């Protein structure tokens, strides 16, 4: 069952790419990002900007590598949920509905990583695997 083996890796990478791209943009325009955060009324804009960049990069790398992916997904959730509510709130600005729904879908994907872990192709594969993956491996052995 190659699909069950490799799909979690592809899914984690697909989720992480948007955050890596966002993080690069935030670093490239640090002052603009900081100003956007300040304009939203958030306190300590420089600290929030640095934290955002750290969470985005650490979470993305963790997801792609599958190392401590649950923690990485948690970091991305800690960034994404408040960012969605503050910057993409469709109640405040109806034109943000698509961005809000996109973020909601990403939150769902990250919650799947939190619930089920990184999957069989990951740097954490030697850690305790969820029962589903253990069963999958046993089924593959029987088929061989």
C-alpha atoms as a PDB file:
ATOM      1  CA  UNK A   1       0.000   0.000   0.000  1.00  0.00           C
ATOM      2  CA  UNK A   2       2.358   2.683  -1.229  1.00  0.00           C
ATOM      3  CA  UNK A   3      -0.362   5.330  -1.197  1.00  0.00           C
ATOM      4  CA  UNK A   4      -0.862   5.068   2.577  1.00  0.00           C
ATOM      5  CA  UNK A   5       2.869   5.120   3.086  1.00  0.00           C
ATOM      6  CA  UNK A   6       3.669   8.242   1.043  1.00  0.00           C
ATOM      7  CA  UNK A   7       0.486  10.347   1.112  1.00  0.00           C
ATOM      8  CA  UNK A   8       1.150  11.684   4.641  1.00  0.00           C
ATOM      9  CA  UNK A   9       4.583  12.917   3.475  1.00  0.00           C
ATOM     10  CA  UNK A  10       3.064  14.616   0.428  1.00  0.00           C
ATOM     11  CA  UNK A  11       0.252  16.112   2.531  1.00  0.00           C
ATOM     12  CA  UNK A  12       2.635  17.435   5.206  1.00  0.00           C
ATOM     13  CA  UNK A  13       4.843  18.985   2.524  1.00  0.00           C
ATOM     14  CA  UNK A  14       1.867  20.566   0.740  1.00  0.00           C
ATOM     15  CA  UNK A  15       0.702  22.149   3.981  1.00  0.00           C
ATOM     16  CA  UNK A  16       4.196  23.359   4.873  1.00  0.00           C
ATOM     17  CA  UNK A  17       4.925  25.023   1.516  1.00  0.00           C
ATOM     18  CA  UNK A  18       2.428  27.838   2.063  1.00  0.00           C
ATOM     19  CA  UNK A  19       3.984  28.610   5.449  1.00  0.00           C
ATOM     20  CA  UNK A  20       7.551  28.547   4.081  1.00  0.00           C
ATOM     21  CA  UNK A  21       6.533  30.946   1.323  1.00  0.00           C
ATOM     22  CA  UNK A  22       4.821  33.188   3.868  1.00  0.00           C
ATOM     23  CA  UNK A  23       7.857  33.111   6.164  1.00  0.00           C
ATOM     24  CA  UNK A  24      10.209  34.112   3.368  1.00  0.00           C
ATOM     25  CA  UNK A  25       7.895  37.019   2.546  1.00  0.00           C
ATOM     26  CA  UNK A  26       7.814  38.096   6.197  1.00  0.00           C
ATOM     27  CA  UNK A  27      11.617  38.083   6.415  1.00  0.00           C
ATOM     28  CA  UNK A  28      11.972  39.882   3.062  1.00  0.00           C
ATOM     29  CA  UNK A  29       9.665  42.655   4.248  1.00  0.00           C
ATOM     30  CA  UNK A  30      10.216  42.539   8.002  1.00  0.00           C
ATOM     31  CA  UNK A  31       9.320  46.187   8.562  1.00  0.00           C
ATOM     32  CA  UNK A  32       6.180  45.894   6.419  1.00  0.00           C
ATOM     33  CA  UNK A  33       5.098  42.791   8.316  1.00  0.00           C
ATOM     34  CA  UNK A  34       5.768  44.542  11.603  1.00  0.00           C
ATOM     35  CA  UNK A  35       3.745  47.558  10.450  1.00  0.00           C
ATOM     36  CA  UNK A  36       0.840  45.358   9.348  1.00  0.00           C
ATOM     37  CA  UNK A  37       0.787  43.707  12.789  1.00  0.00           C
ATOM     38  CA  UNK A  38       0.933  47.096  14.512  1.00  0.00           C
ATOM     39  CA  UNK A  39      -1.851  48.459  12.268  1.00  0.00           C
ATOM     40  CA  UNK A  40      -4.048  45.545  13.348  1.00  0.00           C
ATOM     41  CA  UNK A  41      -3.727  46.839  16.899  1.00  0.00           C
ATOM     42  CA  UNK A  42      -1.621  43.978  18.213  1.00  0.00           C
ATOM     43  CA  UNK A  43       0.817  44.951  20.974  1.00  0.00           C
ATOM     44  CA  UNK A  44       4.569  44.334  20.811  1.00  0.00           C
ATOM     45  CA  UNK A  45       4.641  44.205  17.018  1.00  0.00           C
ATOM     46  CA  UNK A  46       8.417  43.494  16.772  1.00  0.00           C
ATOM     47  CA  UNK A  47       8.136  40.540  19.168  1.00  0.00           C
ATOM     48  CA  UNK A  48       5.009  39.232  17.443  1.00  0.00           C
ATOM     49  CA  UNK A  49       6.766  39.500  14.072  1.00  0.00           C
ATOM     50  CA  UNK A  50       9.808  37.567  15.289  1.00  0.00           C
ATOM     51  CA  UNK A  51       7.610  34.933  16.950  1.00  0.00           C
ATOM     52  CA  UNK A  52       5.547  34.577  13.802  1.00  0.00           C
ATOM     53  CA  UNK A  53       8.630  34.012  11.659  1.00  0.00           C
ATOM     54  CA  UNK A  54      10.057  31.487  14.130  1.00  0.00           C
ATOM     55  CA  UNK A  55       6.770  29.569  14.434  1.00  0.00           C
ATOM     56  CA  UNK A  56       6.288  29.488  10.661  1.00  0.00           C
ATOM     57  CA  UNK A  57       9.797  28.235   9.865  1.00  0.00           C
ATOM     58  CA  UNK A  58      10.142  25.784  12.742  1.00  0.00           C
ATOM     59  CA  UNK A  59       6.655  24.405  12.149  1.00  0.00           C
ATOM     60  CA  UNK A  60       7.175  24.054   8.395  1.00  0.00           C
ATOM     61  CA  UNK A  61      10.526  22.320   8.681  1.00  0.00           C
ATOM     62  CA  UNK A  62       9.143  20.010  11.357  1.00  0.00           C
ATOM     63  CA  UNK A  63       6.219  19.074   9.115  1.00  0.00           C
ATOM     64  CA  UNK A  64       8.317  18.440   6.024  1.00  0.00           C
ATOM     65  CA  UNK A  65      10.863  16.312   7.863  1.00  0.00           C
ATOM     66  CA  UNK A  66       8.228  14.604   9.974  1.00  0.00           C
ATOM     67  CA  UNK A  67      10.328  15.239  13.057  1.00  0.00           C
ATOM     68  CA  UNK A  68       8.180  16.226  16.039  1.00  0.00           C
ATOM     69  CA  UNK A  69       5.464  16.942  13.475  1.00  0.00           C
ATOM     70  CA  UNK A  70       2.750  17.190  16.114  1.00  0.00           C
ATOM     71  CA  UNK A  71       4.674  19.986  17.814  1.00  0.00           C
ATOM     72  CA  UNK A  72       5.371  21.632  14.450  1.00  0.00           C
ATOM     73  CA  UNK A  73       1.678  21.487  13.581  1.00  0.00           C
ATOM     74  CA  UNK A  74       0.933  22.998  16.989  1.00  0.00           C
ATOM     75  CA  UNK A  75       3.290  25.903  16.281  1.00  0.00           C
ATOM     76  CA  UNK A  76       1.609  26.518  12.945  1.00  0.00           C
ATOM     77  CA  UNK A  77      -1.819  26.355  14.595  1.00  0.00           C
ATOM     78  CA  UNK A  78      -0.653  28.806  17.275  1.00  0.00           C
ATOM     79  CA  UNK A  79       0.178  31.220  14.453  1.00  0.00           C
ATOM     80  CA  UNK A  80      -2.657  30.436  12.040  1.00  0.00           C
ATOM     81  CA  UNK A  81      -5.693  30.576  14.319  1.00  0.00           C
ATOM     82  CA  UNK A  82      -5.065  34.102  15.659  1.00  0.00           C
ATOM     83  CA  UNK A  83      -3.866  35.316  12.234  1.00  0.00           C
ATOM     84  CA  UNK A  84      -7.072  34.020  10.673  1.00  0.00           C
ATOM     85  CA  UNK A  85      -9.266  35.703  13.258  1.00  0.00           C
ATOM     86  CA  UNK A  86      -7.404  39.020  13.162  1.00  0.00           C
ATOM     87  CA  UNK A  87      -6.458  39.392   9.491  1.00  0.00           C
ATOM     88  CA  UNK A  88      -8.994  37.238   7.608  1.00  0.00           C
ATOM     89  CA  UNK A  89     -12.178  37.696   9.594  1.00  0.00           C
ATOM     90  CA  UNK A  90     -15.118  37.634   7.146  1.00  0.00           C
ATOM     91  CA  UNK A  91     -17.409  39.257   9.715  1.00  0.00           C
ATOM     92  CA  UNK A  92     -15.195  42.349   9.798  1.00  0.00           C
ATOM     93  CA  UNK A  93     -14.349  42.275   6.081  1.00  0.00           C
ATOM     94  CA  UNK A  94     -16.552  40.095   3.841  1.00  0.00           C
ATOM     95  CA  UNK A  95     -13.899  40.149   1.088  1.00  0.00           C
ATOM     96  CA  UNK A  96     -11.755  37.923   3.364  1.00  0.00           C
ATOM     97  CA  UNK A  97     -14.166  34.955   3.186  1.00  0.00           C
ATOM     98  CA  UNK A  98     -12.040  32.907   0.759  1.00  0.00           C
ATOM     99  CA  UNK A  99      -8.861  33.506   2.808  1.00  0.00           C
ATOM    100  CA  UNK A 100     -10.765  32.555   5.967  1.00  0.00           C
ATOM    101  CA  UNK A 101     -12.075  29.324   4.408  1.00  0.00           C
ATOM    102  CA  UNK A 102      -8.614  28.477   2.997  1.00  0.00           C
ATOM    103  CA  UNK A 103      -7.132  28.893   6.467  1.00  0.00           C
ATOM    104  CA  UNK A 104      -9.928  26.787   7.922  1.00  0.00           C
ATOM    105  CA  UNK A 105      -8.982  23.972   5.522  1.00  0.00           C
ATOM    106  CA  UNK A 106      -5.317  24.282   6.493  1.00  0.00           C
ATOM    107  CA  UNK A 107      -6.298  24.186  10.179  1.00  0.00           C
ATOM    108  CA  UNK A 108      -8.120  20.925   9.440  1.00  0.00           C
ATOM    109  CA  UNK A 109      -5.005  19.450   7.836  1.00  0.00           C
ATOM    110  CA  UNK A 110      -2.830  20.535  10.747  1.00  0.00           C
ATOM    111  CA  UNK A 111      -5.293  19.005  13.209  1.00  0.00           C
ATOM    112  CA  UNK A 112      -4.967  15.711  11.312  1.00  0.00           C
ATOM    113  CA  UNK A 113      -1.212  15.832  11.880  1.00  0.00           C
ATOM    114  CA  UNK A 114      -1.774  16.579  15.569  1.00  0.00           C
ATOM    115  CA  UNK A 115      -4.207  13.658  15.841  1.00  0.00           C
ATOM    116  CA  UNK A 116      -2.407  11.040  13.728  1.00  0.00           C
ATOM    117  CA  UNK A 117       1.226  12.108  13.686  1.00  0.00           C
ATOM    118  CA  UNK A 118       3.614  12.341  10.784  1.00  0.00           C
ATOM    119  CA  UNK A 119       2.995   8.959   9.184  1.00  0.00           C
ATOM    120  CA  UNK A 120       5.364   6.168   8.234  1.00  0.00           C
ATOM    121  CA  UNK A 121       7.767   8.211   6.062  1.00  0.00           C
ATOM    122  CA  UNK A 122       9.295  10.638   8.537  1.00  0.00           C
ATOM    123  CA  UNK A 123      12.290  11.197  10.745  1.00  0.00           C
ATOM    124  CA  UNK A 124      10.094  10.261  13.709  1.00  0.00           C
ATOM    125  CA  UNK A 125       9.157   6.882  12.247  1.00  0.00           C
ATOM    126  CA  UNK A 126      11.126   5.121  14.967  1.00  0.00           C
ATOM    127  CA  UNK A 127       8.854   6.587  17.628  1.00  0.00           C
ATOM    128  CA  UNK A 128       5.630   4.926  18.677  1.00  0.00           C
ATOM    129  CA  UNK A 129       3.391   4.723  15.622  1.00  0.00           C
ATOM    130  CA  UNK A 130      -0.368   5.061  15.806  1.00  0.00           C
ATOM    131  CA  UNK A 131      -2.203   1.730  15.669  1.00  0.00           C
ATOM    132  CA  UNK A 132      -3.355   2.445  12.114  1.00  0.00           C
ATOM    133  CA  UNK A 133       0.201   2.512  10.769  1.00  0.00           C
ATOM    134  CA  UNK A 134       1.176  -0.561  12.765  1.00  0.00           C
ATOM    135  CA  UNK A 135      -1.778  -2.437  11.224  1.00  0.00           C
ATOM    136  CA  UNK A 136      -0.841  -1.149   7.781  1.00  0.00           C
ATOM    137  CA  UNK A 137       2.724  -2.414   8.159  1.00  0.00           C
ATOM    138  CA  UNK A 138       1.460  -5.813   9.353  1.00  0.00           C
ATOM    139  CA  UNK A 139      -0.877  -6.034   6.339  1.00  0.00           C
ATOM    140  CA  UNK A 140       1.997  -5.231   3.979  1.00  0.00           C
ATOM    141  CA  UNK A 141       4.079  -7.992   5.544  1.00  0.00           C
ATOM    142  CA  UNK A 142       1.255 -10.501   5.032  1.00  0.00           C
ATOM    143  CA  UNK A 143       0.929  -9.499   1.380  1.00  0.00           C
ATOM    144  CA  UNK A 144       4.625 -10.102   0.712  1.00  0.00           C
END
